[in-house]
Amino acid sequence: MSRRLIVAVVALATALAPVASAGAAQQPRASYMRIVEDVMCVVCHEPLEVAQSPEAFQEREFIRQEIGEGKTRQQIEHDLVVQLGPAVLARPPAHGVNLLVYIIPPVVLVLGISLVALFIPRWRRRAREAAAGEPAPSAATLDAADAKRLNEDLGRFA
């Protein structure tokens, strides 16, 4: 019977392990380097990781303090936006008009690829038809007076 009890305890612990780890997964530890990569200096408009202004040093110290308090990356970025404004974020939030920044480039890329895929076969087909069909149109024929004048002009430059 003690063997059944041990198996039951192990089964229960195995079943509850994902629940316990889910609580820990909701609060990931903030990474200083990840935050500094995604934040701008609001004074010199450079990424915070390379900015050298006094305000940049203050922003970095603020981030270190927030990490020391155990805040998550999202909480720290939210606090920075509240304190310094949305210009502090290197990437604009993906809602409202800013959503266009994320939508337009892929749409333009897909449209461009579609146009190329549509028109290249047509261009190739026309080129094959032109090569197989009639010879390319030659230059217009000149009357005798124009031909004489052209030869005289070319003779001056030779």
C-alpha atoms as a PDB file:
ATOM      1  CA  MET A   1       0.000   0.000   0.000  1.00  0.00           C
ATOM      2  CA  SER A   2       2.846   2.428   0.597  1.00  0.00           C
ATOM      3  CA  ARG A   3       3.930   1.835  -2.968  1.00  0.00           C
ATOM      4  CA  ARG A   4       0.507   2.969  -4.200  1.00  0.00           C
ATOM      5  CA  LEU A   5       0.758   6.053  -2.014  1.00  0.00           C
ATOM      6  CA  ILE A   6       4.154   6.950  -3.498  1.00  0.00           C
ATOM      7  CA  VAL A   7       2.829   6.492  -7.047  1.00  0.00           C
ATOM      8  CA  ALA A   8      -0.197   8.650  -6.224  1.00  0.00           C
ATOM      9  CA  VAL A   9       1.985  11.423  -4.758  1.00  0.00           C
ATOM     10  CA  VAL A  10       4.311  11.360  -7.789  1.00  0.00           C
ATOM     11  CA  ALA A  11       1.320  11.451 -10.155  1.00  0.00           C
ATOM     12  CA  LEU A  12      -0.193  14.361  -8.255  1.00  0.00           C
ATOM     13  CA  ALA A  13       3.125  16.254  -8.247  1.00  0.00           C
ATOM     14  CA  THR A  14       3.497  15.638 -11.987  1.00  0.00           C
ATOM     15  CA  ALA A  15      -0.014  16.883 -12.639  1.00  0.00           C
ATOM     16  CA  LEU A  16       0.478  20.037 -10.565  1.00  0.00           C
ATOM     17  CA  ALA A  17       3.939  20.901 -11.922  1.00  0.00           C
ATOM     18  CA  PRO A  18       2.626  22.745 -15.026  1.00  0.00           C
ATOM     19  CA  VAL A  19       0.259  24.790 -12.845  1.00  0.00           C
ATOM     20  CA  ALA A  20       3.098  25.831 -10.540  1.00  0.00           C
ATOM     21  CA  SER A  21       5.407  26.695 -13.414  1.00  0.00           C
ATOM     22  CA  ALA A  22       2.646  28.691 -15.159  1.00  0.00           C
ATOM     23  CA  GLY A  23       2.580  31.132 -12.267  1.00  0.00           C
ATOM     24  CA  ALA A  24       6.323  31.569 -12.546  1.00  0.00           C
ATOM     25  CA  ALA A  25       6.143  31.960 -16.343  1.00  0.00           C
ATOM     26  CA  GLN A  26       3.740  34.896 -16.069  1.00  0.00           C
ATOM     27  CA  GLN A  27       6.404  37.036 -14.386  1.00  0.00           C
ATOM     28  CA  PRO A  28       9.554  36.705 -16.511  1.00  0.00           C
ATOM     29  CA  ARG A  29      12.600  38.476 -15.167  1.00  0.00           C
ATOM     30  CA  ALA A  30      13.330  41.678 -17.062  1.00  0.00           C
ATOM     31  CA  SER A  31      16.595  41.784 -19.002  1.00  0.00           C
ATOM     32  CA  TYR A  32      18.482  45.080 -18.846  1.00  0.00           C
ATOM     33  CA  MET A  33      20.022  44.605 -22.300  1.00  0.00           C
ATOM     34  CA  ARG A  34      16.683  43.766 -23.955  1.00  0.00           C
ATOM     35  CA  ILE A  35      15.046  46.853 -22.479  1.00  0.00           C
ATOM     36  CA  VAL A  36      17.938  49.160 -23.385  1.00  0.00           C
ATOM     37  CA  GLU A  37      17.840  47.867 -26.989  1.00  0.00           C
ATOM     38  CA  ASP A  38      14.134  48.728 -27.302  1.00  0.00           C
ATOM     39  CA  VAL A  39      14.259  52.193 -25.701  1.00  0.00           C
ATOM     40  CA  MET A  40      15.423  55.534 -27.100  1.00  0.00           C
ATOM     41  CA  CYS A  41      17.024  58.496 -25.407  1.00  0.00           C
ATOM     42  CA  VAL A  42      14.335  61.172 -25.548  1.00  0.00           C
ATOM     43  CA  VAL A  43      16.881  64.009 -25.774  1.00  0.00           C
ATOM     44  CA  CYS A  44      19.369  62.853 -28.406  1.00  0.00           C
ATOM     45  CA  HIS A  45      16.957  60.463 -30.224  1.00  0.00           C
ATOM     46  CA  GLU A  46      19.485  57.624 -30.305  1.00  0.00           C
ATOM     47  CA  PRO A  47      19.067  54.075 -29.028  1.00  0.00           C
ATOM     48  CA  LEU A  48      19.607  54.119 -25.290  1.00  0.00           C
ATOM     49  CA  GLU A  49      22.320  51.469 -25.539  1.00  0.00           C
ATOM     50  CA  VAL A  50      24.618  53.921 -27.407  1.00  0.00           C
ATOM     51  CA  ALA A  51      23.373  57.316 -26.200  1.00  0.00           C
ATOM     52  CA  GLN A  52      25.842  59.314 -24.108  1.00  0.00           C
ATOM     53  CA  SER A  53      23.767  62.266 -22.883  1.00  0.00           C
ATOM     54  CA  PRO A  54      23.189  62.851 -19.160  1.00  0.00           C
ATOM     55  CA  GLU A  55      19.508  62.061 -19.675  1.00  0.00           C
ATOM     56  CA  ALA A  56      20.457  58.689 -21.188  1.00  0.00           C
ATOM     57  CA  PHE A  57      22.426  57.861 -18.051  1.00  0.00           C
ATOM     58  CA  GLN A  58      19.379  58.832 -15.960  1.00  0.00           C
ATOM     59  CA  GLU A  59      17.115  56.592 -18.089  1.00  0.00           C
ATOM     60  CA  ARG A  60      19.533  53.671 -17.674  1.00  0.00           C
ATOM     61  CA  GLU A  61      19.623  54.187 -13.916  1.00  0.00           C
ATOM     62  CA  PHE A  62      15.814  54.315 -13.816  1.00  0.00           C
ATOM     63  CA  ILE A  63      15.681  50.993 -15.695  1.00  0.00           C
ATOM     64  CA  ARG A  64      18.181  49.419 -13.268  1.00  0.00           C
ATOM     65  CA  GLN A  65      16.062  50.561 -10.313  1.00  0.00           C
ATOM     66  CA  GLU A  66      12.895  49.147 -11.861  1.00  0.00           C
ATOM     67  CA  ILE A  67      14.622  45.815 -12.514  1.00  0.00           C
ATOM     68  CA  GLY A  68      15.850  45.840  -8.902  1.00  0.00           C
ATOM     69  CA  GLU A  69      12.242  46.214  -7.785  1.00  0.00           C
ATOM     70  CA  GLY A  70      11.382  43.051  -9.749  1.00  0.00           C
ATOM     71  CA  LYS A  71       9.235  44.625 -12.435  1.00  0.00           C
ATOM     72  CA  THR A  72       8.694  42.938 -15.787  1.00  0.00           C
ATOM     73  CA  ARG A  73       9.835  44.340 -19.100  1.00  0.00           C
ATOM     74  CA  GLN A  74       6.310  45.453 -20.008  1.00  0.00           C
ATOM     75  CA  GLN A  75       5.887  47.228 -16.681  1.00  0.00           C
ATOM     76  CA  ILE A  76       9.210  49.025 -17.048  1.00  0.00           C
ATOM     77  CA  GLU A  77       8.423  50.132 -20.605  1.00  0.00           C
ATOM     78  CA  HIS A  78       4.988  51.304 -19.440  1.00  0.00           C
ATOM     79  CA  ASP A  79       6.581  53.325 -16.627  1.00  0.00           C
ATOM     80  CA  LEU A  80       9.042  54.864 -19.095  1.00  0.00           C
ATOM     81  CA  VAL A  81       6.195  55.871 -21.428  1.00  0.00           C
ATOM     82  CA  VAL A  82       4.243  57.381 -18.511  1.00  0.00           C
ATOM     83  CA  GLN A  83       7.294  59.296 -17.329  1.00  0.00           C
ATOM     84  CA  LEU A  84       8.903  60.311 -20.663  1.00  0.00           C
ATOM     85  CA  GLY A  85       6.205  59.895 -23.317  1.00  0.00           C
ATOM     86  CA  PRO A  86       5.775  57.476 -26.232  1.00  0.00           C
ATOM     87  CA  ALA A  87       8.912  58.825 -27.969  1.00  0.00           C
ATOM     88  CA  VAL A  88      10.954  56.715 -25.553  1.00  0.00           C
ATOM     89  CA  LEU A  89       9.980  53.510 -27.377  1.00  0.00           C
ATOM     90  CA  ALA A  90      12.142  52.509 -30.339  1.00  0.00           C
ATOM     91  CA  ARG A  91       9.151  50.778 -31.938  1.00  0.00           C
ATOM     92  CA  PRO A  92       5.790  52.532 -31.967  1.00  0.00           C
ATOM     93  CA  PRO A  93       2.894  50.676 -30.331  1.00  0.00           C
ATOM     94  CA  ALA A  94       0.929  48.573 -32.832  1.00  0.00           C
ATOM     95  CA  HIS A  95      -2.457  50.307 -32.610  1.00  0.00           C
ATOM     96  CA  GLY A  96      -4.146  53.317 -34.139  1.00  0.00           C
ATOM     97  CA  VAL A  97      -2.288  55.163 -36.869  1.00  0.00           C
ATOM     98  CA  ASN A  98       0.981  53.493 -35.793  1.00  0.00           C
ATOM     99  CA  LEU A  99      -0.456  50.194 -36.989  1.00  0.00           C
ATOM    100  CA  LEU A 100       0.183  51.400 -40.546  1.00  0.00           C
ATOM    101  CA  VAL A 101       3.923  51.197 -39.873  1.00  0.00           C
ATOM    102  CA  TYR A 102       3.546  47.447 -39.445  1.00  0.00           C
ATOM    103  CA  ILE A 103       0.962  46.836 -42.184  1.00  0.00           C
ATOM    104  CA  ILE A 104       2.122  48.925 -45.169  1.00  0.00           C
ATOM    105  CA  PRO A 105       5.610  47.431 -45.771  1.00  0.00           C
ATOM    106  CA  PRO A 106       4.421  43.793 -46.005  1.00  0.00           C
ATOM    107  CA  VAL A 107       1.456  44.827 -48.176  1.00  0.00           C
ATOM    108  CA  VAL A 108       3.738  46.750 -50.559  1.00  0.00           C
ATOM    109  CA  LEU A 109       6.138  43.797 -50.672  1.00  0.00           C
ATOM    110  CA  VAL A 110       3.348  41.328 -51.489  1.00  0.00           C
ATOM    111  CA  LEU A 111       1.934  43.656 -54.154  1.00  0.00           C
ATOM    112  CA  GLY A 112       5.357  44.127 -55.707  1.00  0.00           C
ATOM    113  CA  ILE A 113       6.015  40.397 -55.836  1.00  0.00           C
ATOM    114  CA  SER A 114       2.549  39.814 -57.289  1.00  0.00           C
ATOM    115  CA  LEU A 115       3.083  42.408 -60.023  1.00  0.00           C
ATOM    116  CA  VAL A 116       6.452  40.961 -60.921  1.00  0.00           C
ATOM    117  CA  ALA A 117       5.014  37.439 -60.979  1.00  0.00           C
ATOM    118  CA  LEU A 118       2.169  38.658 -63.181  1.00  0.00           C
ATOM    119  CA  PHE A 119       4.160  40.706 -65.691  1.00  0.00           C
ATOM    120  CA  ILE A 120       7.365  38.686 -66.152  1.00  0.00           C
ATOM    121  CA  PRO A 121       5.616  35.827 -67.980  1.00  0.00           C
ATOM    122  CA  ARG A 122       3.920  38.379 -70.262  1.00  0.00           C
ATOM    123  CA  TRP A 123       7.198  40.117 -71.033  1.00  0.00           C
ATOM    124  CA  ARG A 124       8.939  36.809 -71.719  1.00  0.00           C
ATOM    125  CA  ARG A 125       6.092  35.658 -73.950  1.00  0.00           C
ATOM    126  CA  ARG A 126       6.241  38.908 -75.956  1.00  0.00           C
ATOM    127  CA  ALA A 127      10.010  38.590 -76.310  1.00  0.00           C
ATOM    128  CA  ARG A 128       9.691  34.990 -77.563  1.00  0.00           C
ATOM    129  CA  GLU A 129       6.965  35.982 -80.021  1.00  0.00           C
ATOM    130  CA  ALA A 130       9.049  38.865 -81.290  1.00  0.00           C
ATOM    131  CA  ALA A 131      12.115  36.644 -81.698  1.00  0.00           C
ATOM    132  CA  ALA A 132      10.192  33.869 -83.448  1.00  0.00           C
ATOM    133  CA  GLY A 133       7.923  36.089 -85.538  1.00  0.00           C
ATOM    134  CA  GLU A 134       8.840  39.112 -87.584  1.00  0.00           C
ATOM    135  CA  PRO A 135      12.299  40.582 -87.513  1.00  0.00           C
ATOM    136  CA  ALA A 136      12.701  43.650 -85.392  1.00  0.00           C
ATOM    137  CA  PRO A 137      11.598  46.800 -87.183  1.00  0.00           C
ATOM    138  CA  SER A 138      14.537  48.528 -88.825  1.00  0.00           C
ATOM    139  CA  ALA A 139      15.207  52.196 -88.727  1.00  0.00           C
ATOM    140  CA  ALA A 140      13.063  54.339 -90.985  1.00  0.00           C
ATOM    141  CA  THR A 141      14.436  54.777 -94.479  1.00  0.00           C
ATOM    142  CA  LEU A 142      15.687  58.212 -95.396  1.00  0.00           C
ATOM    143  CA  ASP A 143      15.098  59.987 -98.642  1.00  0.00           C
ATOM    144  CA  ALA A 144      18.141  60.926-100.698  1.00  0.00           C
ATOM    145  CA  ALA A 145      18.417  64.544 -99.441  1.00  0.00           C
ATOM    146  CA  ASP A 146      18.298  63.530 -95.781  1.00  0.00           C
ATOM    147  CA  ALA A 147      20.808  60.720 -96.334  1.00  0.00           C
ATOM    148  CA  LYS A 148      23.220  63.140 -98.055  1.00  0.00           C
ATOM    149  CA  ARG A 149      22.887  65.701 -95.224  1.00  0.00           C
ATOM    150  CA  LEU A 150      23.437  62.959 -92.603  1.00  0.00           C
ATOM    151  CA  ASN A 151      26.597  61.740 -94.342  1.00  0.00           C
ATOM    152  CA  GLU A 152      27.946  65.306 -94.531  1.00  0.00           C
ATOM    153  CA  ASP A 153      27.265  65.885 -90.811  1.00  0.00           C
ATOM    154  CA  LEU A 154      28.912  62.604 -89.861  1.00  0.00           C
ATOM    155  CA  GLY A 155      31.886  63.427 -92.106  1.00  0.00           C
ATOM    156  CA  ARG A 156      32.569  66.595 -90.122  1.00  0.00           C
ATOM    157  CA  PHE A 157      33.012  64.633 -86.896  1.00  0.00           C
ATOM    158  CA  ALA A 158      35.171  61.863 -88.352  1.00  0.00           C
END
